[in-house]
């Protein structure tokens, strides 16, 4: 691991030590992310002892944790190249940016991959479990095919289904086809609220969700659902969506014929 990163992290933590609240844990975090938000983030967590762990996460620290004292990183070429290579595994082109910051507990970086100092990993996971959380610990449970699904579908729309990942949840939006006019879409949105509740009753691992502002889509949607990332593979979302579209189309046809 790059010694410059460890020296930077330890130095930054010690520089601000007197200003950091004792009741929280603090780590230096260097993050590499895609400016277009088309791929996951690569995060390097360092404690004051110089212990370091690397995390492939669906979030940036700024989105999910309290972040203090940002700093520039001027030695990041090696890490940017590593990030590009990771994205290339999934045939995704990225435009990386890199930044450093002190993060404050509770730790909430959802991890699909984790490697590094085992004692630091165990410390963070132990504190997660005391809170009943599963962020870093997710990497112990998630399977390769689940991780690959997240990487390939990260904040992407495929055939009318939009996948969005935040904390340890996957949110799924089902878009209304553009062929419907405004009035028909209004009917479909209202009807989908009932259909959504039926889906949740049928699939207990699904929960109701909503359009989070950072999803950044303008499409009309039938509904948004969510489930734990580790449940990926338990659902055939393409079939669920197809069944929903067919039902809604029959509803519109019925209304047109009987209005």
Protein backbone atom coordinates (compact mmCIF):
# COMPACT_ATOMS: atom_id res chain seq x y z
CA UNK A 1 0.00 0.00 0.00
CA UNK A 2 1.22 3.48 -0.81
CA UNK A 3 3.24 4.87 2.14
CA UNK A 4 2.30 8.41 1.15
CA UNK A 5 -1.35 7.54 1.82
CA UNK A 6 -0.62 6.15 5.29
CA UNK A 7 1.54 9.16 6.20
CA UNK A 8 -1.13 11.53 4.90
CA UNK A 9 -3.91 9.78 6.80
CA UNK A 10 -2.10 9.50 10.11
CA UNK A 11 -0.80 13.07 9.85
CA UNK A 12 -4.24 14.47 9.06
CA UNK A 13 -5.83 12.66 12.01
CA UNK A 14 -3.16 13.87 14.42
CA UNK A 15 -3.34 17.42 13.07
CA UNK A 16 -7.00 17.69 14.04
CA UNK A 17 -7.00 15.32 17.03
CA UNK A 18 -7.72 18.04 19.59
CA UNK A 19 -10.75 19.21 17.57
CA UNK A 20 -12.35 15.76 17.24
CA UNK A 21 -14.99 14.65 19.75
CA UNK A 22 -13.73 11.84 22.01
CA UNK A 23 -17.07 10.01 22.01
CA UNK A 24 -16.71 9.11 18.32
CA UNK A 25 -14.24 7.02 16.35
CA UNK A 26 -12.44 8.90 13.60
CA UNK A 27 -10.66 7.64 10.50
CA UNK A 28 -9.01 9.23 7.53
CA UNK A 29 -10.74 8.22 4.31
CA UNK A 30 -9.43 8.64 0.79
CA UNK A 31 -12.10 8.04 -1.83
CA UNK A 32 -11.88 7.49 -5.57
CA UNK A 33 -15.20 7.93 -7.38
CA UNK A 34 -16.58 8.44 -10.87
CA UNK A 35 -17.63 12.05 -11.52
CA UNK A 36 -20.53 10.67 -13.62
CA UNK A 37 -21.67 8.34 -10.79
CA UNK A 38 -21.53 5.39 -13.15
CA UNK A 39 -19.59 3.07 -10.87
CA UNK A 40 -19.03 2.28 -7.21
CA UNK A 41 -16.49 4.04 -4.99
CA UNK A 42 -13.10 2.79 -3.81
CA UNK A 43 -12.31 3.90 -0.26
CA UNK A 44 -9.17 3.61 1.83
CA UNK A 45 -9.76 3.86 5.59
CA UNK A 46 -6.80 4.65 7.89
CA UNK A 47 -6.71 4.91 11.67
CA UNK A 48 -4.22 6.83 13.79
CA UNK A 49 -2.05 3.71 14.15
CA UNK A 50 -1.60 3.58 10.38
CA UNK A 51 -3.76 0.50 9.94
CA UNK A 52 -5.55 0.55 6.59
CA UNK A 53 -8.45 -1.19 4.91
CA UNK A 54 -9.77 -0.91 1.35
CA UNK A 55 -13.50 -0.91 0.67
CA UNK A 56 -15.47 -1.14 -2.57
CA UNK A 57 -18.72 0.63 -1.64
CA UNK A 58 -21.99 1.74 -3.20
CA UNK A 59 -21.74 5.09 -1.40
CA UNK A 60 -19.26 7.90 -0.85
CA UNK A 61 -18.54 8.85 2.78
CA UNK A 62 -19.99 12.32 2.13
CA UNK A 63 -23.38 10.76 1.36
CA UNK A 64 -23.72 8.59 4.46
CA UNK A 65 -21.34 9.72 7.23
CA UNK A 66 -20.29 12.81 9.09
CA UNK A 67 -17.20 14.11 7.25
CA UNK A 68 -14.74 16.67 8.60
CA UNK A 69 -11.67 18.57 7.43
CA UNK A 70 -11.44 17.70 3.72
CA UNK A 71 -8.01 17.74 2.13
CA UNK A 72 -6.50 17.47 -1.34
CA UNK A 73 -4.70 14.34 -2.47
CA UNK A 74 -1.67 14.92 -4.72
CA UNK A 75 -0.30 11.39 -4.97
CA UNK A 76 -3.31 9.51 -6.33
CA UNK A 77 -2.22 8.20 -9.75
CA UNK A 78 -1.74 4.65 -8.48
CA UNK A 79 -5.20 4.59 -6.89
CA UNK A 80 -6.92 6.14 -9.89
CA UNK A 81 -5.40 3.46 -12.11
CA UNK A 82 -6.58 0.75 -9.73
CA UNK A 83 -10.08 2.24 -9.82
CA UNK A 84 -10.12 2.35 -13.62
CA UNK A 85 -9.05 -1.29 -13.77
CA UNK A 86 -11.78 -2.32 -11.35
CA UNK A 87 -14.44 -0.57 -13.46
CA UNK A 88 -12.93 -2.05 -16.62
CA UNK A 89 -13.70 -5.54 -15.29
CA UNK A 90 -17.36 -4.64 -15.87
CA UNK A 91 -16.72 -2.81 -19.17
CA UNK A 92 -17.47 0.54 -17.55
CA UNK A 93 -15.49 3.66 -18.45
CA UNK A 94 -15.02 6.09 -15.57
CA UNK A 95 -13.80 9.63 -15.06
CA UNK A 96 -12.21 9.40 -11.59
CA UNK A 97 -11.85 12.07 -8.96
CA UNK A 98 -10.09 11.64 -5.63
CA UNK A 99 -10.48 13.33 -2.27
CA UNK A 100 -9.57 12.88 1.38
CA UNK A 101 -11.60 13.57 4.51
CA UNK A 102 -11.88 12.57 8.17
CA UNK A 103 -14.96 10.40 8.74
CA UNK A 104 -16.73 10.14 12.07
CA UNK A 105 -18.54 7.10 13.48
CA UNK A 106 -21.04 5.52 13.25
CA UNK A 107 -19.42 3.77 10.29
CA UNK A 108 -21.88 3.43 7.38
CA UNK A 109 -19.89 2.56 4.27
CA UNK A 110 -21.65 -0.41 2.69
CA UNK A 111 -18.90 -2.81 1.60
CA UNK A 112 -19.07 -5.24 -1.31
CA UNK A 113 -15.35 -5.98 -1.02
CA UNK A 114 -13.08 -5.44 1.96
CA UNK A 115 -9.40 -6.15 2.43
CA UNK A 116 -6.63 -4.95 4.70
CA UNK A 117 -5.87 -4.96 8.42
CA UNK A 118 -7.94 -7.73 10.02
CA UNK A 119 -7.94 -6.19 13.50
CA UNK A 120 -9.33 -2.90 12.20
CA UNK A 121 -11.96 -4.72 10.13
CA UNK A 122 -13.05 -6.78 13.17
CA UNK A 123 -13.16 -3.66 15.36
CA UNK A 124 -15.50 -1.82 12.99
CA UNK A 125 -17.72 -4.87 12.40
CA UNK A 126 -17.97 -5.52 16.16
CA UNK A 127 -19.25 -1.98 16.76
CA UNK A 128 -21.68 -2.36 13.84
CA UNK A 129 -23.16 -5.47 15.41
CA UNK A 130 -23.62 -3.71 18.74
CA UNK A 131 -25.78 -1.17 16.87
CA UNK A 132 -27.58 -3.86 14.87
CA UNK A 133 -26.09 -2.56 11.60
CA UNK A 134 -24.54 -4.35 8.64
CA UNK A 135 -22.39 -2.17 6.41
CA UNK A 136 -18.78 -3.35 6.50
CA UNK A 137 -20.05 -6.77 7.57
CA UNK A 138 -22.01 -7.08 4.31
CA UNK A 139 -18.78 -8.02 2.53
CA UNK A 140 -18.68 -11.22 4.63
CA UNK A 141 -22.13 -12.25 3.37
CA UNK A 142 -22.41 -11.05 -0.20
CA UNK A 143 -21.79 -13.55 -2.99
CA UNK A 144 -19.83 -12.91 -6.18
CA UNK A 145 -22.91 -12.98 -8.42
CA UNK A 146 -24.64 -10.46 -6.14
CA UNK A 147 -21.60 -8.16 -6.19
CA UNK A 148 -21.39 -8.48 -9.98
CA UNK A 149 -25.08 -7.57 -10.28
CA UNK A 150 -24.54 -4.38 -8.27
CA UNK A 151 -21.46 -3.39 -10.28
CA UNK A 152 -23.18 -3.93 -13.64
CA UNK A 153 -26.48 -2.27 -12.71
CA UNK A 154 -25.22 0.53 -10.47
CA UNK A 155 -27.54 3.52 -10.96
CA UNK A 156 -28.57 2.21 -14.38
CA UNK A 157 -31.87 1.84 -16.23
CA UNK A 158 -32.32 -1.38 -18.19
CA UNK A 159 -35.49 -2.06 -20.18
CA UNK A 160 -37.62 0.15 -17.96
CA UNK A 161 -36.15 -0.93 -14.62
CA UNK A 162 -33.89 1.46 -12.70
CA UNK A 163 -31.56 0.11 -10.02
CA UNK A 164 -30.29 2.41 -7.29
CA UNK A 165 -28.10 1.45 -4.35
CA UNK A 166 -27.95 3.40 -1.10
CA UNK A 167 -26.53 2.24 2.22
CA UNK A 168 -27.25 -1.51 2.35
CA UNK A 169 -30.43 -1.38 0.26
CA UNK A 170 -31.21 -1.81 -3.44
CA UNK A 171 -34.04 0.41 -4.67
CA UNK A 172 -35.86 -0.64 -7.83
CA UNK A 173 -38.04 1.73 -9.87
CA UNK A 174 -40.44 0.39 -12.50
CA UNK A 175 -40.93 3.02 -15.22
CA UNK A 176 -44.25 3.63 -16.98
CA UNK A 177 -43.83 3.18 -20.76
CA UNK A 178 -43.79 6.45 -22.70
CA UNK A 179 -46.62 5.32 -25.00
CA UNK A 180 -49.24 6.43 -22.48
CA UNK A 181 -50.57 9.99 -22.46
CA UNK A 182 -50.64 12.23 -19.39
CA UNK A 183 -54.13 11.24 -18.25
CA UNK A 184 -53.37 7.54 -18.65
CA UNK A 185 -50.17 7.91 -16.67
CA UNK A 186 -52.11 9.58 -13.86
CA UNK A 187 -54.47 6.59 -13.75
CA UNK A 188 -51.54 4.18 -13.78
CA UNK A 189 -49.72 5.94 -10.95
CA UNK A 190 -52.84 5.83 -8.78
CA UNK A 191 -53.57 2.19 -9.61
CA UNK A 192 -49.96 1.16 -9.04
CA UNK A 193 -50.23 2.17 -5.37
CA UNK A 194 -52.66 -0.71 -4.84
CA UNK A 195 -50.62 -3.09 -6.99
CA UNK A 196 -47.49 -2.17 -5.02
CA UNK A 197 -49.09 -3.22 -1.74
CA UNK A 198 -50.05 -6.56 -3.30
CA UNK A 199 -46.44 -7.10 -4.37
CA UNK A 200 -45.16 -6.38 -0.86
CA UNK A 201 -47.68 -8.87 0.55
CA UNK A 202 -46.55 -11.47 -1.97
CA UNK A 203 -42.81 -10.89 -1.42
CA UNK A 204 -42.07 -10.24 2.29
CA UNK A 205 -38.45 -9.31 1.58
CA UNK A 206 -39.61 -6.33 -0.50
CA UNK A 207 -40.34 -2.99 1.16
CA UNK A 208 -42.00 0.19 0.01
CA UNK A 209 -39.65 2.94 -1.13
CA UNK A 210 -39.88 6.28 -2.92
CA UNK A 211 -37.95 8.40 -5.40
CA UNK A 212 -34.85 9.59 -3.54
CA UNK A 213 -33.69 12.98 -4.92
CA UNK A 214 -30.25 11.62 -5.78
CA UNK A 215 -31.85 9.02 -8.06
CA UNK A 216 -32.04 11.87 -10.54
CA UNK A 217 -34.54 10.45 -13.03
CA UNK A 218 -37.52 12.25 -14.57
CA UNK A 219 -39.50 9.23 -15.78
CA UNK A 220 -42.94 8.50 -14.40
CA UNK A 221 -42.77 5.28 -12.41
CA UNK A 222 -45.38 2.73 -11.38
CA UNK A 223 -43.63 2.39 -8.03
CA UNK A 224 -40.31 2.14 -6.22
CA UNK A 225 -39.46 -0.86 -4.05
CA UNK A 226 -36.42 -1.74 -1.98
CA UNK A 227 -34.75 -4.80 -0.49
CA UNK A 228 -31.52 -5.65 1.30
CA UNK A 229 -28.58 -5.94 -1.09
CA UNK A 230 -27.94 -9.46 0.17
CA UNK A 231 -31.42 -10.44 -1.12
CA UNK A 232 -30.31 -9.88 -4.72
CA UNK A 233 -31.00 -13.08 -6.58
CA UNK A 234 -34.18 -13.84 -4.65
CA UNK A 235 -36.32 -11.94 -7.16
CA UNK A 236 -36.88 -11.94 -10.91
CA UNK A 237 -37.48 -8.21 -11.29
CA UNK A 238 -37.89 -8.51 -15.05
CA UNK A 239 -40.82 -10.90 -14.56
CA UNK A 240 -42.36 -8.77 -11.82
CA UNK A 241 -42.15 -5.71 -14.04
CA UNK A 242 -43.53 -7.55 -17.08
CA UNK A 243 -46.49 -8.84 -15.07
CA UNK A 244 -47.16 -5.33 -13.75
CA UNK A 245 -47.01 -3.76 -17.22
CA UNK A 246 -49.39 -6.35 -18.65
CA UNK A 247 -51.90 -5.82 -15.85
CA UNK A 248 -51.77 -2.04 -16.21
CA UNK A 249 -52.18 -2.21 -19.97
CA UNK A 250 -55.31 -4.35 -19.58
CA UNK A 251 -56.60 -1.79 -17.08
CA UNK A 252 -56.18 1.07 -19.55
CA UNK A 253 -57.82 -0.95 -22.34
CA UNK A 254 -60.76 -1.74 -20.05
CA UNK A 255 -61.20 1.92 -19.11
CA UNK A 256 -61.01 3.03 -22.75
CA UNK A 257 -63.69 0.54 -23.74
CA UNK A 258 -66.04 1.30 -20.87
CA UNK A 259 -65.60 5.03 -20.27
